[in-house]
Protein backbone atom coordinates (compact mmCIF):
# COMPACT_ATOMS: atom_id res chain seq x y z
CA MET A 1 1.03 8.77 19.13
CA ALA A 2 0.94 11.69 16.71
CA ASN A 3 3.07 14.75 17.37
CA ALA A 4 -0.04 16.83 16.94
CA ASP A 5 0.87 19.50 19.49
CA LEU A 6 2.64 21.50 16.81
CA LEU A 7 -0.62 21.66 14.83
CA ALA A 8 -2.77 22.76 17.79
CA PRO A 9 -2.07 26.50 17.25
CA LEU A 10 -3.54 26.07 13.76
CA GLY A 11 -6.78 24.71 15.19
CA LEU A 12 -6.10 21.03 14.53
CA ALA A 13 -6.62 18.67 17.45
CA ALA A 14 -5.61 15.02 17.53
CA GLU A 15 -8.31 12.40 17.87
CA GLU A 16 -7.79 8.99 19.43
CA VAL A 17 -7.69 5.81 17.35
CA SER A 18 -8.94 2.77 19.27
CA ALA A 19 -8.82 -0.96 18.69
CA GLY A 20 -10.29 -3.50 21.06
CA GLY A 21 -11.25 -0.74 23.48
CA GLN A 22 -7.65 0.47 23.77
CA VAL A 23 -6.23 3.71 22.40
CA ILE A 24 -3.51 2.65 19.95
CA ALA A 25 -2.74 5.96 18.27
CA THR A 26 -3.82 9.51 17.70
CA ARG A 27 -4.39 11.16 14.37
CA ILE A 28 -5.45 14.39 12.75
CA ALA A 29 -8.71 14.01 10.80
CA ALA A 30 -8.22 14.37 7.04
CA ASP A 31 -9.90 13.50 3.78
CA PRO A 32 -8.49 10.76 1.50
CA SER A 33 -6.00 13.20 -0.06
CA GLY A 34 -4.59 14.07 3.37
CA ALA A 35 -6.16 17.54 3.44
CA THR A 36 -7.24 18.67 6.91
CA SER A 37 -9.96 21.14 7.85
CA VAL A 38 -7.32 23.91 7.68
CA ALA A 39 -6.54 25.01 4.12
CA GLY A 40 -2.99 24.14 3.05
CA ILE A 41 -2.32 21.67 5.89
CA TYR A 42 -1.96 18.00 4.91
CA VAL A 43 -1.23 14.95 7.07
CA ALA A 44 -0.44 11.26 6.63
CA ASP A 45 -2.25 8.26 8.13
CA PRO A 46 -0.23 6.94 11.09
CA GLN A 47 -1.64 3.42 10.62
CA ALA A 48 -0.71 3.08 6.97
CA GLN A 49 1.86 0.58 5.76
CA VAL A 50 4.76 1.68 3.56
CA ILE A 51 3.08 1.16 0.17
CA THR A 52 -0.12 2.80 1.41
CA SER A 53 1.90 5.71 2.80
CA ALA A 54 3.65 6.12 -0.56
CA ALA A 55 0.29 6.20 -2.35
CA ALA A 56 -1.10 8.66 0.19
CA GLY A 57 1.95 10.87 -0.33
CA LEU A 58 1.35 10.81 -4.07
CA MET A 59 -2.30 11.78 -3.58
CA ALA A 60 -1.40 14.56 -1.15
CA GLY A 61 1.20 15.89 -3.59
CA ALA A 62 -1.39 15.94 -6.37
CA ALA A 63 -3.90 17.74 -4.13
CA ILE A 64 -1.30 20.31 -3.09
CA ASN A 65 -0.35 20.87 -6.73
CA MET A 66 -4.03 21.33 -7.63
CA ASP A 67 -4.41 23.92 -4.85
CA LEU A 68 -1.34 25.82 -6.08
CA VAL A 69 -2.50 25.77 -9.72
CA ALA A 70 -5.95 27.03 -8.70
CA GLU A 71 -4.38 29.83 -6.67
CA ASP A 72 -2.13 30.82 -9.60
CA ALA A 73 -5.17 30.86 -11.90
CA ARG A 74 -7.11 33.09 -9.48
CA HIS A 75 -4.18 35.53 -9.33
CA ALA A 76 -3.83 35.54 -13.13
CA VAL A 77 -7.54 36.25 -13.62
CA THR A 78 -7.39 39.05 -11.06
CA ARG A 79 -4.39 40.64 -12.81
CA VAL A 80 -6.09 40.46 -16.20
CA THR A 81 -9.38 41.81 -14.84
CA VAL A 82 -7.67 44.68 -13.01
CA GLY A 83 -5.52 45.43 -16.06
CA ARG A 84 -8.64 45.87 -18.19
CA GLY A 85 -10.14 48.27 -15.69
CA ALA A 86 -13.10 45.95 -15.14
């Protein structure tokens, strides 16, 4: 089962994963890149095998990098705009 309690204060609740009518795991809902509904919080799939987990980690890393680059760009545009007095 996921150690999701530490994410509860951020508004992320674990959901049950069932197979054959039995709960086999819990997980935090995320998109294919691992991004959750809370900006900046990423998770891995608890059912993934090693190679799948490695690929998911690569995708999450790329998504995190994209978020950081976009944030840097927003800050740079703000500094330039403010510097021009616009």
